Protein backbone atom coordinates (compact mmCIF):
# COMPACT_ATOMS: atom_id res chain seq x y z
CA MET A 1 -4.13 0.23 60.85
CA GLY A 2 -1.02 1.79 62.48
CA LYS A 3 -2.25 5.41 62.14
CA HIS A 4 -1.37 7.72 64.79
CA VAL A 5 -4.63 9.17 65.88
CA ALA A 6 -4.87 12.33 68.25
CA VAL A 7 -8.18 12.24 70.25
CA LEU A 8 -9.15 15.80 71.01
CA MET A 9 -11.33 15.78 73.97
CA GLY A 10 -12.33 18.15 77.08
CA GLY A 11 -11.80 21.81 76.06
CA TRP A 12 -13.56 24.81 77.77
CA SER A 13 -17.24 24.30 76.75
CA LYS A 14 -20.14 23.87 79.07
CA GLU A 15 -19.93 20.11 77.72
CA ARG A 16 -16.38 19.75 78.97
CA GLU A 17 -17.08 16.73 81.13
CA VAL A 18 -19.00 14.81 78.81
CA SER A 19 -16.37 15.43 75.97
CA LEU A 20 -13.76 13.77 78.34
CA VAL A 21 -15.91 10.78 78.76
CA THR A 22 -16.54 10.52 74.99
CA GLY A 23 -12.85 11.18 74.34
CA GLN A 24 -11.57 8.38 76.71
CA GLU A 25 -14.01 5.76 75.37
CA CYS A 26 -12.92 6.43 71.73
CA ALA A 27 -9.34 6.19 72.82
CA ALA A 28 -9.82 2.86 74.37
CA GLY A 29 -11.93 1.62 71.22
CA LEU A 30 -9.10 2.87 68.72
CA ARG A 31 -6.33 1.02 70.82
CA MET A 32 -8.45 -2.04 70.61
CA GLY A 33 -8.40 -1.55 66.95
CA GLY A 34 -4.70 -1.29 66.72
CA TYR A 35 -4.08 2.39 66.45
CA GLU A 36 -1.51 4.38 68.15
CA VAL A 37 -3.31 6.93 70.23
CA ALA A 38 -2.71 10.17 71.98
CA GLU A 39 -5.31 11.73 74.26
CA ILE A 40 -5.33 15.56 74.15
CA ASP A 41 -7.17 17.71 76.69
CA VAL A 42 -7.56 20.49 74.43
CA ASP A 43 -6.59 24.16 75.27
CA ARG A 44 -5.85 27.25 73.55
CA GLY A 45 -2.34 26.14 72.55
CA ILE A 46 -3.85 23.32 70.53
CA ALA A 47 -2.24 24.49 67.32
CA GLN A 48 1.38 24.31 68.78
CA THR A 49 0.45 21.00 70.38
CA LEU A 50 -0.69 19.31 67.25
CA SER A 51 2.05 20.90 65.10
CA ALA A 52 4.66 19.31 67.56
CA LEU A 53 2.81 15.85 67.62
CA ARG A 54 2.13 15.58 63.86
CA PRO A 55 -0.70 12.97 64.01
CA ASP A 56 -2.14 11.25 60.98
CA VAL A 57 -5.75 11.86 62.00
CA CYS A 58 -7.54 13.89 64.65
CA PHE A 59 -10.55 11.98 66.21
CA ASN A 60 -12.84 15.03 67.31
CA ALA A 61 -14.42 14.10 70.50
CA LEU A 62 -15.15 17.66 71.54
CA HIS A 63 -18.69 18.88 72.30
CA GLY A 64 -20.11 22.35 72.58
CA ARG A 65 -18.68 25.45 71.54
CA PHE A 66 -15.31 25.80 69.54
CA GLY A 67 -15.40 21.94 69.29
CA GLU A 68 -18.46 21.42 67.16
CA ASP A 69 -19.20 24.84 65.83
CA GLY A 70 -16.64 24.87 63.01
CA ASN A 71 -13.83 26.33 65.05
CA ILE A 72 -11.69 23.55 65.72
CA GLN A 73 -12.58 22.16 62.17
CA GLY A 74 -11.26 25.36 60.45
CA LEU A 75 -7.96 25.24 62.52
CA LEU A 76 -7.54 21.45 61.36
CA ASN A 77 -8.19 22.53 57.84
CA LEU A 78 -5.30 25.36 58.01
CA LEU A 79 -3.00 22.54 59.66
CA GLY A 80 -3.96 19.86 56.97
CA ILE A 81 -4.74 17.13 59.34
CA PRO A 82 -7.86 15.19 58.45
CA TYR A 83 -10.39 14.88 61.19
CA THR A 84 -13.44 12.92 61.99
CA HIS A 85 -17.11 14.15 61.63
CA SER A 86 -18.42 17.11 59.74
CA GLY A 87 -16.49 19.93 58.26
CA VAL A 88 -16.69 23.70 58.98
CA LEU A 89 -20.02 24.84 57.27
CA ALA A 90 -21.93 21.88 58.37
CA SER A 91 -20.68 22.13 61.76
CA ALA A 92 -21.44 25.77 62.13
CA THR A 93 -24.82 25.73 60.69
CA ALA A 94 -26.14 22.89 62.65
CA MET A 95 -24.82 24.38 65.83
CA HIS A 96 -26.61 27.53 65.09
CA LYS A 97 -30.22 26.20 65.86
CA PRO A 98 -32.24 29.13 64.20
CA ARG A 99 -30.35 29.01 60.92
CA ALA A 100 -30.54 25.05 60.84
CA LYS A 101 -34.38 25.34 61.47
CA ALA A 102 -34.64 27.87 58.62
CA LEU A 103 -32.73 25.38 56.22
CA PHE A 104 -34.97 22.45 57.33
CA SER A 105 -38.19 24.31 57.21
CA LYS A 106 -37.51 25.59 53.48
CA ALA A 107 -36.80 21.92 52.60
CA GLY A 108 -40.51 20.74 53.91
CA LEU A 109 -39.24 19.34 57.30
CA SER A 110 -41.42 20.26 59.94
CA CYS A 111 -39.96 22.08 62.87
CA PRO A 112 -41.34 23.44 66.10
CA GLU A 113 -42.64 27.04 65.58
CA GLY A 114 -40.01 29.32 67.32
CA VAL A 115 -38.63 32.98 67.58
CA VAL A 116 -35.20 34.44 68.60
CA MET A 117 -35.62 37.01 71.34
CA GLU A 118 -33.70 38.57 74.07
CA ILE A 119 -33.82 36.65 77.36
CA GLU A 120 -34.99 39.72 79.28
CA THR A 121 -37.85 40.23 77.02
CA LEU A 122 -39.46 37.03 78.24
CA ALA A 123 -40.43 38.98 81.43
CA TYR A 124 -43.05 40.91 79.58
CA GLN A 125 -43.54 39.46 76.11
CA GLN A 126 -44.17 35.68 75.67
CA PRO A 127 -44.55 34.45 72.08
CA PHE A 128 -46.50 31.26 72.99
CA ARG A 129 -48.92 30.24 75.82
CA PRO A 130 -47.08 27.99 78.23
CA PRO A 131 -45.80 25.47 78.12
CA PHE A 132 -43.05 26.60 75.81
CA VAL A 133 -39.29 25.73 75.35
CA VAL A 134 -36.35 28.24 75.86
CA LYS A 135 -32.94 27.14 74.47
CA PRO A 136 -29.57 28.66 73.79
CA ILE A 137 -28.90 29.58 70.19
CA ASN A 138 -25.78 27.53 70.01
CA GLU A 139 -25.23 24.91 72.62
CA GLY A 140 -25.72 21.12 72.64
CA SER A 141 -26.57 18.07 75.08
CA SER A 142 -29.65 20.06 75.93
CA VAL A 143 -27.50 22.59 77.91
CA GLY A 144 -29.51 25.40 79.19
CA VAL A 145 -32.85 23.95 77.70
CA THR A 146 -35.73 24.80 79.83
CA ILE A 147 -39.47 24.24 79.64
CA VAL A 148 -41.50 27.12 80.74
CA ARG A 149 -44.85 26.18 82.35
CA GLU A 150 -47.70 28.06 83.43
CA GLY A 151 -46.90 30.05 86.56
CA ASN A 152 -43.28 29.27 86.44
CA ASN A 153 -41.26 31.80 84.49
CA ASP A 154 -38.17 32.66 86.73
CA LEU A 155 -36.28 32.43 83.51
CA SER A 156 -37.84 35.33 82.05
CA GLN A 157 -36.09 37.58 84.51
CA GLY A 158 -32.75 36.30 83.18
CA ARG A 159 -32.04 34.23 86.55
CA ASP A 160 -29.61 31.36 86.05
CA TRP A 161 -29.17 32.09 82.27
CA SER A 162 -25.66 32.10 81.10
CA HIS A 163 -25.86 31.49 77.55
CA GLY A 164 -26.00 34.88 75.73
CA HIS A 165 -28.44 37.68 75.63
CA GLU A 166 -30.50 35.77 73.09
CA ALA A 167 -32.58 32.48 73.03
CA LEU A 168 -34.74 30.32 70.75
CA VAL A 169 -38.13 30.19 72.27
CA GLU A 170 -40.09 27.48 70.84
CA ARG A 171 -43.71 26.12 70.94
CA PHE A 172 -43.57 23.01 73.13
CA ILE A 173 -44.43 19.65 71.20
CA PRO A 174 -46.11 17.13 73.55
CA GLY A 175 -45.61 13.49 72.90
CA ARG A 176 -42.50 11.26 72.49
CA GLU A 177 -38.93 11.85 72.02
CA LEU A 178 -37.15 10.10 69.00
CA THR A 179 -33.63 9.98 67.72
CA VAL A 180 -32.03 8.66 64.54
CA ALA A 181 -28.36 8.39 63.81
CA VAL A 182 -27.18 8.82 60.29
CA PHE A 183 -24.12 6.70 59.29
CA TYR A 184 -22.45 8.06 56.17
CA GLY A 185 -25.66 9.18 54.75
CA THR A 186 -27.96 6.30 55.62
CA ALA A 187 -30.22 5.95 58.65
CA HIS A 188 -31.15 2.44 59.75
CA CYS A 189 -33.27 2.58 62.99
CA VAL A 190 -35.23 4.78 65.24
CA THR A 191 -34.78 5.06 69.17
CA GLU A 192 -37.32 6.40 71.46
CA ILE A 193 -36.16 7.83 74.70
CA THR A 194 -38.17 8.13 77.96
CA SER A 195 -36.83 9.76 81.13
CA SER A 196 -38.15 9.47 84.71
CA ARG A 197 -37.41 13.15 84.77
CA GLY A 198 -40.06 13.97 82.48
CA PHE A 199 -37.82 15.57 79.92
CA TYR A 200 -34.71 14.30 78.24
CA ASP A 201 -32.35 16.96 79.64
CA TYR A 202 -28.56 16.99 80.37
CA ASP A 203 -28.78 14.98 83.36
CA ALA A 204 -31.15 12.30 81.88
CA LYS A 205 -28.66 11.97 78.96
CA TYR A 206 -25.51 11.42 81.02
CA ALA A 207 -26.70 10.43 84.59
CA ASP A 208 -26.94 6.67 85.16
CA GLY A 209 -30.46 5.42 85.00
CA GLY A 210 -31.58 8.89 83.79
CA SER A 211 -33.40 7.68 80.60
CA ILE A 212 -34.62 4.37 79.00
CA HIS A 213 -33.61 3.76 75.27
CA ILE A 214 -36.45 1.60 73.42
CA LEU A 215 -34.72 0.28 70.17
CA PRO A 216 -36.37 -0.10 67.78
CA ALA A 217 -39.03 2.33 68.52
CA ASP A 218 -42.48 0.92 68.61
CA LEU A 219 -44.06 3.35 65.91
CA PRO A 220 -46.45 3.38 62.96
CA ALA A 221 -44.42 2.30 59.88
CA ALA A 222 -45.18 5.70 58.33
CA ILE A 223 -43.58 7.54 61.17
CA THR A 224 -40.66 5.26 61.39
CA ASP A 225 -40.07 5.78 57.37
CA LYS A 226 -40.45 9.50 57.75
CA ALA A 227 -38.14 9.82 60.64
CA LEU A 228 -35.42 7.93 58.81
CA ARG A 229 -35.95 9.89 55.63
CA TRP A 230 -35.75 13.19 57.39
CA ALA A 231 -32.75 12.37 59.26
CA GLU A 232 -31.02 11.36 56.07
CA THR A 233 -32.25 14.60 54.30
CA ALA A 234 -31.25 16.88 57.23
CA HIS A 235 -27.76 15.26 57.16
CA CYS A 236 -27.45 15.90 53.47
CA LEU A 237 -28.89 19.44 53.63
CA LEU A 238 -26.34 20.42 56.21
CA GLY A 239 -23.56 18.91 54.13
CA CYS A 240 -22.72 16.52 57.12
CA ARG A 241 -19.92 13.91 57.02
CA GLY A 242 -19.50 10.74 58.89
CA VAL A 243 -22.02 10.13 61.71
CA SER A 244 -24.76 12.49 62.70
CA ARG A 245 -27.67 12.15 64.95
CA ALA A 246 -31.29 13.89 64.40
CA ASP A 247 -33.55 14.39 67.25
CA PHE A 248 -37.43 14.48 66.94
CA ARG A 249 -40.44 15.20 68.86
CA TYR A 250 -43.43 12.91 67.92
CA ASP A 251 -47.00 14.03 68.76
CA ASP A 252 -49.21 10.96 68.61
CA SER A 253 -52.41 12.66 69.97
CA THR A 254 -53.07 14.27 66.46
CA ALA A 255 -54.20 12.90 63.13
CA VAL A 256 -54.06 9.13 62.31
CA ASP A 257 -50.50 8.44 62.68
CA GLY A 258 -49.66 11.54 64.65
CA ASP A 259 -47.11 14.56 63.68
CA LEU A 260 -43.37 14.40 63.51
CA TYR A 261 -41.09 17.44 64.01
CA LEU A 262 -37.41 17.73 63.63
CA LEU A 263 -35.48 19.61 66.55
CA GLU A 264 -31.98 19.57 65.49
CA VAL A 265 -29.17 17.75 64.16
CA ASN A 266 -25.98 16.87 66.27
CA THR A 267 -22.87 16.76 64.20
CA GLN A 268 -20.79 15.46 67.03
CA PRO A 269 -23.01 13.04 68.78
CA GLY A 270 -21.91 11.73 72.21
CA LEU A 271 -19.93 8.48 72.19
CA THR A 272 -20.12 7.80 75.93
CA PRO A 273 -21.45 4.45 77.40
CA THR A 274 -25.02 5.68 77.78
CA SER A 275 -25.01 7.57 74.23
CA LEU A 276 -27.49 6.76 71.52
CA VAL A 277 -25.13 6.29 68.59
CA PRO A 278 -23.19 3.36 69.76
CA GLU A 279 -26.23 1.74 70.86
CA GLN A 280 -27.84 2.08 67.38
CA ALA A 281 -24.46 1.04 65.75
CA LEU A 282 -24.37 -2.24 67.94
CA TYR A 283 -28.07 -2.92 67.01
CA MET A 284 -26.68 -2.99 63.31
CA GLY A 285 -23.89 -5.27 64.35
CA ILE A 286 -21.10 -2.75 64.55
CA SER A 287 -19.02 -2.96 67.56
CA PHE A 288 -17.54 0.19 69.32
CA PRO A 289 -14.00 -0.46 68.15
CA GLU A 290 -15.44 -1.00 64.61
CA LEU A 291 -17.45 2.24 64.83
CA VAL A 292 -14.49 4.53 65.85
CA ALA A 293 -12.19 2.82 63.40
CA ASN A 294 -14.58 3.57 60.57
CA MET A 295 -14.70 7.21 61.71
CA VAL A 296 -11.00 7.48 61.61
CA GLU A 297 -10.66 5.79 58.17
CA ASP A 298 -13.39 8.34 56.85
CA ALA A 299 -11.53 11.38 58.28
CA GLN A 300 -10.74 14.17 55.93
CA CYS A 301 -10.18 17.97 55.61
CA ASP A 302 -12.76 20.15 53.89
CA SER A 303 -12.23 19.98 50.22
């Protein structure tokens, strides 16, 4: 206790508003735990700000580009300030969806079939019959994720797309949305997420009443065990530290127990009042102040 913690939040990614909420919640939780806390809305002068402040630890509450793609992690390594969550390589790999999927698939974890292609190409070349999913290559919180259905492919003309000239296009997996938090290498429970919007998108994640969380998820024992094991394996494959969250689709219309697909791993999972990681922690008997205090005490730079 007594450590001086700089909570890094905000920034300039498309997830700025969510990051501000995460940061404010974490700052409040750390103060409850007896830490000295400085809340920093990150701008491009962050190196100078931290050099002047000289905190003991940085709590990384940034989301999206720069904050969870290895950039801020590399800067903190250079400054020699220990930080929460994963290091440079794990962050960069997890954030780049196609590279992470290639790693998972090689290790035998099932992922939706997908290809990287230019967004304009979708106007005349569709790799899958609708429905299929179009995702930015390196965004989080479902930013920009779109399900293209039969007769509705405005996205193929590049309309309302501001996430680079390439996209990851994946076969749509019907069924149920599952998520598993991994705490320091160990997964404990599975949450099922349902949404009245029909898709667990950005608004469903962060708008009040947008989603319903079922914890623990009512699943066949074999699927629960597989989801926990795959989440731990993905965490290890990426080289994650601290807390991560693995997201899955579970198609229960096939085979005896159905088919499980790993979608992605989030190395900087949200810590807002509606987020999934604090909910799973509380289910395990870990209060929010304890959760963020554990992250601070586990903080480190890349070796």
